[in-house]
Amino acid sequence: MGFDLEKTEAGREIAEKYRELGRQQGQQEGMKLGRQESQDEALSLGRQEGHEKGLSQGRLEGHESGRRLGLQEGREEGLVRAMVVALQVRFGDVAGLGALARKLVSDDYKANLERVVNGVTLDELELEQSGEGQR
């Protein structure tokens, strides 16, 4: 049975905090993108009334696309921040933790977080991420 960080009180707090931050950032980015697209499209509608149906469909797709993109980016950033916190707790303030966290998240967030919590060394993580430790 694998270790699940969210089964610990500290893990749940960290995970919930960064999930919420990710959601909020994703929503803000999605709304910002959607508002800009709405303003641009509103000007276009005023000039091209004959294309109302096409522009309306484009606006809906633009809002959805912006929302999805913002949510995805917010979620990814939340996972990276959670990994940075876990690395800082384990290793202290070491230069390059942000870049390492990004690589660990992109590879396999849950497995790498479990390894950090279970005591993997910083040297092992850096060696594997540089490609030298992989077969």
N, C-alpha and C. Protein backbone atom coordinates (compact mmCIF):
# COMPACT_ATOMS: atom_id res chain seq x y z
N MET A 1 0.85 -1.17 0.00
CA MET A 1 0.00 0.00 0.00
C MET A 1 0.90 1.23 0.00
N GLY A 2 0.65 2.19 -0.89
CA GLY A 2 1.46 3.39 -1.01
C GLY A 2 1.10 4.41 0.05
N PHE A 3 2.01 5.32 0.27
CA PHE A 3 1.80 6.41 1.22
C PHE A 3 0.92 7.47 0.57
N ASP A 4 -0.07 7.95 1.28
CA ASP A 4 -0.95 8.99 0.76
C ASP A 4 -0.82 10.19 1.68
N LEU A 5 -0.16 11.24 1.19
CA LEU A 5 0.10 12.42 1.99
C LEU A 5 -1.20 13.01 2.55
N GLU A 6 -2.28 12.90 1.79
CA GLU A 6 -3.54 13.50 2.22
C GLU A 6 -4.18 12.75 3.40
N LYS A 7 -3.60 11.62 3.81
CA LYS A 7 -4.12 10.90 4.97
C LYS A 7 -3.55 11.46 6.27
N THR A 8 -2.55 12.34 6.18
CA THR A 8 -2.01 12.98 7.38
C THR A 8 -2.64 14.35 7.51
N GLU A 9 -2.72 14.84 8.75
CA GLU A 9 -3.34 16.14 8.98
C GLU A 9 -2.57 17.24 8.25
N ALA A 10 -1.24 17.22 8.38
CA ALA A 10 -0.43 18.24 7.71
C ALA A 10 -0.57 18.12 6.20
N GLY A 11 -0.60 16.91 5.71
CA GLY A 11 -0.74 16.68 4.27
C GLY A 11 -2.06 17.20 3.74
N ARG A 12 -3.13 16.94 4.50
CA ARG A 12 -4.45 17.43 4.08
C ARG A 12 -4.47 18.95 4.05
N GLU A 13 -3.86 19.56 5.07
CA GLU A 13 -3.83 21.02 5.12
C GLU A 13 -3.05 21.60 3.95
N ILE A 14 -1.89 21.03 3.67
CA ILE A 14 -1.07 21.50 2.55
C ILE A 14 -1.81 21.29 1.24
N ALA A 15 -2.34 20.10 1.04
CA ALA A 15 -3.02 19.78 -0.22
C ALA A 15 -4.23 20.68 -0.41
N GLU A 16 -5.03 20.88 0.63
CA GLU A 16 -6.23 21.71 0.51
C GLU A 16 -5.85 23.16 0.23
N LYS A 17 -4.82 23.64 0.93
CA LYS A 17 -4.39 25.02 0.74
C LYS A 17 -3.98 25.25 -0.71
N TYR A 18 -3.19 24.36 -1.25
CA TYR A 18 -2.69 24.57 -2.61
C TYR A 18 -3.72 24.21 -3.67
N ARG A 19 -4.63 23.31 -3.37
CA ARG A 19 -5.74 23.06 -4.29
C ARG A 19 -6.59 24.31 -4.42
N GLU A 20 -6.89 24.93 -3.26
CA GLU A 20 -7.71 26.13 -3.27
C GLU A 20 -7.00 27.28 -3.98
N LEU A 21 -5.70 27.45 -3.70
CA LEU A 21 -4.93 28.48 -4.40
C LEU A 21 -4.95 28.23 -5.89
N GLY A 22 -4.78 26.99 -6.29
CA GLY A 22 -4.80 26.65 -7.71
C GLY A 22 -6.14 26.95 -8.34
N ARG A 23 -7.22 26.60 -7.64
CA ARG A 23 -8.56 26.89 -8.15
C ARG A 23 -8.77 28.40 -8.30
N GLN A 24 -8.39 29.14 -7.26
CA GLN A 24 -8.59 30.59 -7.30
C GLN A 24 -7.79 31.22 -8.42
N GLN A 25 -6.53 30.82 -8.54
CA GLN A 25 -5.70 31.39 -9.61
C GLN A 25 -6.24 31.00 -10.97
N GLY A 26 -6.66 29.76 -11.11
CA GLY A 26 -7.22 29.31 -12.38
C GLY A 26 -8.47 30.09 -12.74
N GLN A 27 -9.33 30.31 -11.76
CA GLN A 27 -10.56 31.06 -12.01
C GLN A 27 -10.25 32.50 -12.37
N GLN A 28 -9.30 33.11 -11.65
CA GLN A 28 -8.95 34.50 -11.95
C GLN A 28 -8.38 34.62 -13.36
N GLU A 29 -7.48 33.72 -13.71
CA GLU A 29 -6.90 33.76 -15.05
C GLU A 29 -7.97 33.52 -16.11
N GLY A 30 -8.83 32.56 -15.87
CA GLY A 30 -9.90 32.27 -16.82
C GLY A 30 -10.83 33.46 -16.99
N MET A 31 -11.17 34.10 -15.88
CA MET A 31 -12.06 35.26 -15.95
C MET A 31 -11.37 36.42 -16.67
N LYS A 32 -10.08 36.62 -16.39
CA LYS A 32 -9.34 37.70 -17.04
C LYS A 32 -9.30 37.48 -18.55
N LEU A 33 -8.97 36.27 -18.95
CA LEU A 33 -8.94 35.95 -20.38
C LEU A 33 -10.33 36.09 -21.00
N GLY A 34 -11.33 35.61 -20.30
CA GLY A 34 -12.69 35.69 -20.81
C GLY A 34 -13.18 37.12 -20.95
N ARG A 35 -12.87 37.98 -19.98
CA ARG A 35 -13.28 39.39 -20.05
C ARG A 35 -12.63 40.09 -21.25
N GLN A 36 -11.35 39.84 -21.45
CA GLN A 36 -10.65 40.48 -22.57
C GLN A 36 -11.25 40.03 -23.89
N GLU A 37 -11.51 38.74 -24.01
CA GLU A 37 -12.11 38.22 -25.24
C GLU A 37 -13.52 38.79 -25.42
N SER A 38 -14.26 38.93 -24.34
CA SER A 38 -15.61 39.49 -24.43
C SER A 38 -15.58 40.93 -24.92
N GLN A 39 -14.66 41.73 -24.40
CA GLN A 39 -14.56 43.12 -24.83
C GLN A 39 -14.20 43.21 -26.31
N ASP A 40 -13.23 42.42 -26.71
CA ASP A 40 -12.82 42.42 -28.12
C ASP A 40 -13.97 42.00 -29.03
N GLU A 41 -14.70 41.00 -28.61
CA GLU A 41 -15.79 40.49 -29.43
C GLU A 41 -16.99 41.43 -29.44
N ALA A 42 -17.19 42.15 -28.35
CA ALA A 42 -18.29 43.12 -28.31
C ALA A 42 -18.07 44.22 -29.35
N LEU A 43 -16.83 44.68 -29.49
CA LEU A 43 -16.53 45.69 -30.52
C LEU A 43 -16.78 45.13 -31.91
N SER A 44 -16.39 43.90 -32.09
CA SER A 44 -16.57 43.26 -33.39
C SER A 44 -18.05 43.09 -33.71
N LEU A 45 -18.86 42.75 -32.72
CA LEU A 45 -20.31 42.60 -32.94
C LEU A 45 -20.94 43.90 -33.39
N GLY A 46 -20.52 45.00 -32.80
CA GLY A 46 -21.06 46.30 -33.18
C GLY A 46 -20.78 46.64 -34.63
N ARG A 47 -19.64 46.21 -35.15
CA ARG A 47 -19.25 46.51 -36.53
C ARG A 47 -19.84 45.52 -37.53
N GLN A 48 -20.09 44.32 -37.07
CA GLN A 48 -20.49 43.26 -38.00
C GLN A 48 -21.76 42.57 -37.53
N GLU A 49 -22.85 43.29 -37.51
CA GLU A 49 -24.11 42.74 -37.02
C GLU A 49 -24.54 41.52 -37.81
N GLY A 50 -24.18 41.46 -39.07
CA GLY A 50 -24.58 40.33 -39.91
C GLY A 50 -23.95 39.01 -39.49
N HIS A 51 -22.87 39.07 -38.72
CA HIS A 51 -22.17 37.86 -38.30
C HIS A 51 -22.46 37.51 -36.84
N GLU A 52 -23.58 37.96 -36.34
CA GLU A 52 -23.91 37.80 -34.92
C GLU A 52 -23.85 36.35 -34.45
N LYS A 53 -24.41 35.45 -35.23
CA LYS A 53 -24.44 34.06 -34.81
C LYS A 53 -23.03 33.48 -34.68
N GLY A 54 -22.19 33.72 -35.66
CA GLY A 54 -20.81 33.20 -35.62
C GLY A 54 -20.00 33.78 -34.48
N LEU A 55 -20.16 35.08 -34.25
CA LEU A 55 -19.42 35.72 -33.17
C LEU A 55 -19.90 35.23 -31.80
N SER A 56 -21.19 35.01 -31.68
CA SER A 56 -21.74 34.51 -30.43
C SER A 56 -21.14 33.15 -30.10
N GLN A 57 -21.08 32.28 -31.10
CA GLN A 57 -20.50 30.96 -30.90
C GLN A 57 -19.02 31.08 -30.54
N GLY A 58 -18.31 31.97 -31.22
CA GLY A 58 -16.89 32.17 -30.94
C GLY A 58 -16.65 32.68 -29.53
N ARG A 59 -17.55 33.56 -29.07
CA ARG A 59 -17.42 34.09 -27.72
C ARG A 59 -17.57 32.99 -26.69
N LEU A 60 -18.57 32.13 -26.88
CA LEU A 60 -18.78 31.03 -25.95
C LEU A 60 -17.57 30.11 -25.92
N GLU A 61 -17.04 29.80 -27.09
CA GLU A 61 -15.86 28.93 -27.15
C GLU A 61 -14.65 29.61 -26.52
N GLY A 62 -14.52 30.93 -26.73
CA GLY A 62 -13.40 31.68 -26.15
C GLY A 62 -13.45 31.70 -24.63
N HIS A 63 -14.64 31.91 -24.08
CA HIS A 63 -14.79 31.91 -22.62
C HIS A 63 -14.42 30.54 -22.05
N GLU A 64 -14.93 29.51 -22.67
CA GLU A 64 -14.67 28.15 -22.18
C GLU A 64 -13.19 27.82 -22.31
N SER A 65 -12.60 28.19 -23.43
CA SER A 65 -11.18 27.93 -23.66
C SER A 65 -10.33 28.66 -22.62
N GLY A 66 -10.64 29.94 -22.38
CA GLY A 66 -9.90 30.72 -21.39
C GLY A 66 -10.07 30.17 -19.99
N ARG A 67 -11.27 29.75 -19.67
CA ARG A 67 -11.53 29.19 -18.34
C ARG A 67 -10.74 27.90 -18.14
N ARG A 68 -10.80 27.02 -19.14
CA ARG A 68 -10.06 25.75 -19.03
C ARG A 68 -8.56 25.98 -18.92
N LEU A 69 -8.04 26.89 -19.74
CA LEU A 69 -6.62 27.18 -19.71
C LEU A 69 -6.22 27.75 -18.35
N GLY A 70 -7.01 28.69 -17.84
CA GLY A 70 -6.71 29.28 -16.54
C GLY A 70 -6.77 28.27 -15.41
N LEU A 71 -7.77 27.41 -15.45
CA LEU A 71 -7.88 26.39 -14.41
C LEU A 71 -6.71 25.41 -14.47
N GLN A 72 -6.33 25.01 -15.68
CA GLN A 72 -5.22 24.08 -15.83
C GLN A 72 -3.91 24.70 -15.33
N GLU A 73 -3.66 25.95 -15.74
CA GLU A 73 -2.45 26.62 -15.29
C GLU A 73 -2.45 26.82 -13.78
N GLY A 74 -3.60 27.19 -13.23
CA GLY A 74 -3.71 27.38 -11.78
C GLY A 74 -3.47 26.08 -11.02
N ARG A 75 -4.01 24.99 -11.53
CA ARG A 75 -3.82 23.69 -10.89
C ARG A 75 -2.35 23.29 -10.93
N GLU A 76 -1.72 23.44 -12.10
CA GLU A 76 -0.31 23.08 -12.22
C GLU A 76 0.56 23.92 -11.29
N GLU A 77 0.28 25.21 -11.23
CA GLU A 77 1.05 26.08 -10.35
C GLU A 77 0.83 25.71 -8.89
N GLY A 78 -0.38 25.35 -8.53
CA GLY A 78 -0.66 24.90 -7.16
C GLY A 78 0.11 23.65 -6.80
N LEU A 79 0.21 22.70 -7.74
CA LEU A 79 0.98 21.48 -7.50
C LEU A 79 2.47 21.80 -7.34
N VAL A 80 2.98 22.71 -8.17
CA VAL A 80 4.39 23.09 -8.06
C VAL A 80 4.65 23.75 -6.71
N ARG A 81 3.76 24.64 -6.29
CA ARG A 81 3.94 25.30 -4.99
C ARG A 81 3.90 24.29 -3.85
N ALA A 82 3.00 23.33 -3.93
CA ALA A 82 2.93 22.29 -2.90
C ALA A 82 4.21 21.48 -2.86
N MET A 83 4.77 21.17 -4.04
CA MET A 83 6.02 20.41 -4.09
C MET A 83 7.17 21.24 -3.53
N VAL A 84 7.21 22.53 -3.82
CA VAL A 84 8.25 23.40 -3.27
C VAL A 84 8.18 23.39 -1.75
N VAL A 85 6.97 23.49 -1.20
CA VAL A 85 6.80 23.48 0.26
C VAL A 85 7.30 22.16 0.83
N ALA A 86 6.95 21.05 0.20
CA ALA A 86 7.40 19.74 0.68
C ALA A 86 8.93 19.65 0.62
N LEU A 87 9.53 20.14 -0.46
CA LEU A 87 10.99 20.12 -0.58
C LEU A 87 11.64 21.03 0.47
N GLN A 88 11.03 22.19 0.73
CA GLN A 88 11.57 23.10 1.74
C GLN A 88 11.48 22.49 3.13
N VAL A 89 10.38 21.82 3.42
CA VAL A 89 10.22 21.17 4.72
C VAL A 89 11.29 20.10 4.88
N ARG A 90 11.55 19.35 3.82
CA ARG A 90 12.49 18.23 3.86
C ARG A 90 13.95 18.69 3.84
N PHE A 91 14.27 19.69 2.98
CA PHE A 91 15.67 20.05 2.74
C PHE A 91 16.05 21.47 3.15
N GLY A 92 15.08 22.28 3.57
CA GLY A 92 15.35 23.67 3.90
C GLY A 92 15.35 24.53 2.64
N ASP A 93 15.80 25.77 2.80
CA ASP A 93 15.85 26.69 1.65
C ASP A 93 17.12 26.42 0.85
N VAL A 94 16.99 25.65 -0.20
CA VAL A 94 18.11 25.31 -1.07
C VAL A 94 17.84 25.94 -2.43
N ALA A 95 18.88 26.48 -3.04
CA ALA A 95 18.73 27.09 -4.36
C ALA A 95 18.26 26.06 -5.37
N GLY A 96 17.38 26.47 -6.26
CA GLY A 96 16.93 25.60 -7.34
C GLY A 96 15.75 24.71 -7.02
N LEU A 97 15.13 24.90 -5.85
CA LEU A 97 14.00 24.04 -5.49
C LEU A 97 12.80 24.26 -6.42
N GLY A 98 12.62 25.47 -6.89
CA GLY A 98 11.49 25.75 -7.79
C GLY A 98 11.60 24.97 -9.08
N ALA A 99 12.79 24.98 -9.68
CA ALA A 99 13.00 24.25 -10.94
C ALA A 99 12.87 22.75 -10.71
N LEU A 100 13.43 22.27 -9.61
CA LEU A 100 13.34 20.84 -9.29
C LEU A 100 11.88 20.45 -9.06
N ALA A 101 11.14 21.28 -8.33
CA ALA A 101 9.73 20.99 -8.06
C ALA A 101 8.94 20.90 -9.35
N ARG A 102 9.20 21.82 -10.28
CA ARG A 102 8.50 21.82 -11.57
C ARG A 102 8.76 20.51 -12.32
N LYS A 103 10.00 20.04 -12.30
CA LYS A 103 10.34 18.78 -12.98
C LYS A 103 9.66 17.60 -12.29
N LEU A 104 9.68 17.60 -10.97
CA LEU A 104 9.06 16.50 -10.23
C LEU A 104 7.56 16.45 -10.47
N VAL A 105 6.92 17.60 -10.54
CA VAL A 105 5.48 17.66 -10.79
C VAL A 105 5.17 17.17 -12.20
N SER A 106 5.98 17.58 -13.16
CA SER A 106 5.71 17.18 -14.55
C SER A 106 5.95 15.70 -14.77
N ASP A 107 6.86 15.09 -14.01
CA ASP A 107 7.12 13.65 -14.15
C ASP A 107 6.00 12.82 -13.55
N ASP A 108 5.81 12.92 -12.23
CA ASP A 108 4.77 12.15 -11.54
C ASP A 108 4.61 12.75 -10.15
N TYR A 109 3.71 13.70 -10.04
CA TYR A 109 3.55 14.47 -8.81
C TYR A 109 3.38 13.57 -7.58
N LYS A 110 2.40 12.68 -7.61
CA LYS A 110 2.09 11.88 -6.43
C LYS A 110 3.26 10.98 -6.03
N ALA A 111 3.85 10.30 -7.01
CA ALA A 111 4.96 9.39 -6.71
C ALA A 111 6.15 10.16 -6.16
N ASN A 112 6.47 11.30 -6.75
CA ASN A 112 7.61 12.08 -6.28
C ASN A 112 7.36 12.71 -4.92
N LEU A 113 6.14 13.15 -4.67
CA LEU A 113 5.81 13.70 -3.35
C LEU A 113 5.95 12.61 -2.29
N GLU A 114 5.48 11.43 -2.61
CA GLU A 114 5.61 10.30 -1.69
C GLU A 114 7.08 10.02 -1.40
N ARG A 115 7.92 10.06 -2.42
CA ARG A 115 9.36 9.81 -2.24
C ARG A 115 9.98 10.87 -1.33
N VAL A 116 9.60 12.13 -1.51
CA VAL A 116 10.14 13.21 -0.68
C VAL A 116 9.75 12.97 0.77
N VAL A 117 8.48 12.67 1.01
CA VAL A 117 7.99 12.44 2.37
C VAL A 117 8.66 11.22 2.99
N ASN A 118 8.94 10.20 2.17
CA ASN A 118 9.54 8.97 2.68
C ASN A 118 11.05 9.02 2.82
N GLY A 119 11.69 10.16 2.49
CA GLY A 119 13.10 10.32 2.82
C GLY A 119 14.10 10.25 1.68
N VAL A 120 13.68 10.38 0.43
CA VAL A 120 14.65 10.40 -0.66
C VAL A 120 15.61 11.56 -0.44
N THR A 121 16.87 11.39 -0.84
CA THR A 121 17.84 12.47 -0.65
C THR A 121 17.75 13.47 -1.79
N LEU A 122 18.19 14.67 -1.52
CA LEU A 122 18.20 15.72 -2.54
C LEU A 122 19.12 15.32 -3.69
N ASP A 123 20.26 14.70 -3.35
CA ASP A 123 21.18 14.24 -4.40
C ASP A 123 20.51 13.24 -5.33
N GLU A 124 19.74 12.31 -4.77
CA GLU A 124 19.05 11.32 -5.60
C GLU A 124 18.06 12.00 -6.55
N LEU A 125 17.29 12.94 -6.02
CA LEU A 125 16.31 13.65 -6.85
C LEU A 125 16.99 14.42 -7.98
N GLU A 126 18.05 15.15 -7.63
CA GLU A 126 18.74 15.95 -8.63
C GLU A 126 19.41 15.07 -9.68
N LEU A 127 20.00 13.96 -9.25
CA LEU A 127 20.66 13.04 -10.17
C LEU A 127 19.64 12.46 -11.15
N GLU A 128 18.50 12.03 -10.64
CA GLU A 128 17.46 11.46 -11.51
C GLU A 128 16.91 12.50 -12.47
N GLN A 129 16.72 13.71 -12.00
CA GLN A 129 16.14 14.75 -12.86
C GLN A 129 17.13 15.24 -13.91
N SER A 130 18.42 15.08 -13.65
CA SER A 130 19.41 15.49 -14.65
C SER A 130 19.55 14.44 -15.73
N GLY A 131 18.95 13.25 -15.53
CA GLY A 131 19.00 12.20 -16.53
C GLY A 131 20.11 11.20 -16.30
N GLU A 132 21.05 11.51 -15.41
CA GLU A 132 22.19 10.62 -15.17
C GLU A 132 21.78 9.39 -14.38
N GLY A 133 20.75 9.52 -13.56
CA GLY A 133 20.34 8.40 -12.72
C GLY A 133 19.35 7.48 -13.40
N GLN A 134 18.95 7.79 -14.64
CA GLN A 134 17.97 6.97 -15.34
C GLN A 134 18.69 6.00 -16.26
N ARG A 135 18.09 4.84 -16.45
CA ARG A 135 18.69 3.83 -17.33
C ARG A 135 18.32 4.07 -18.74
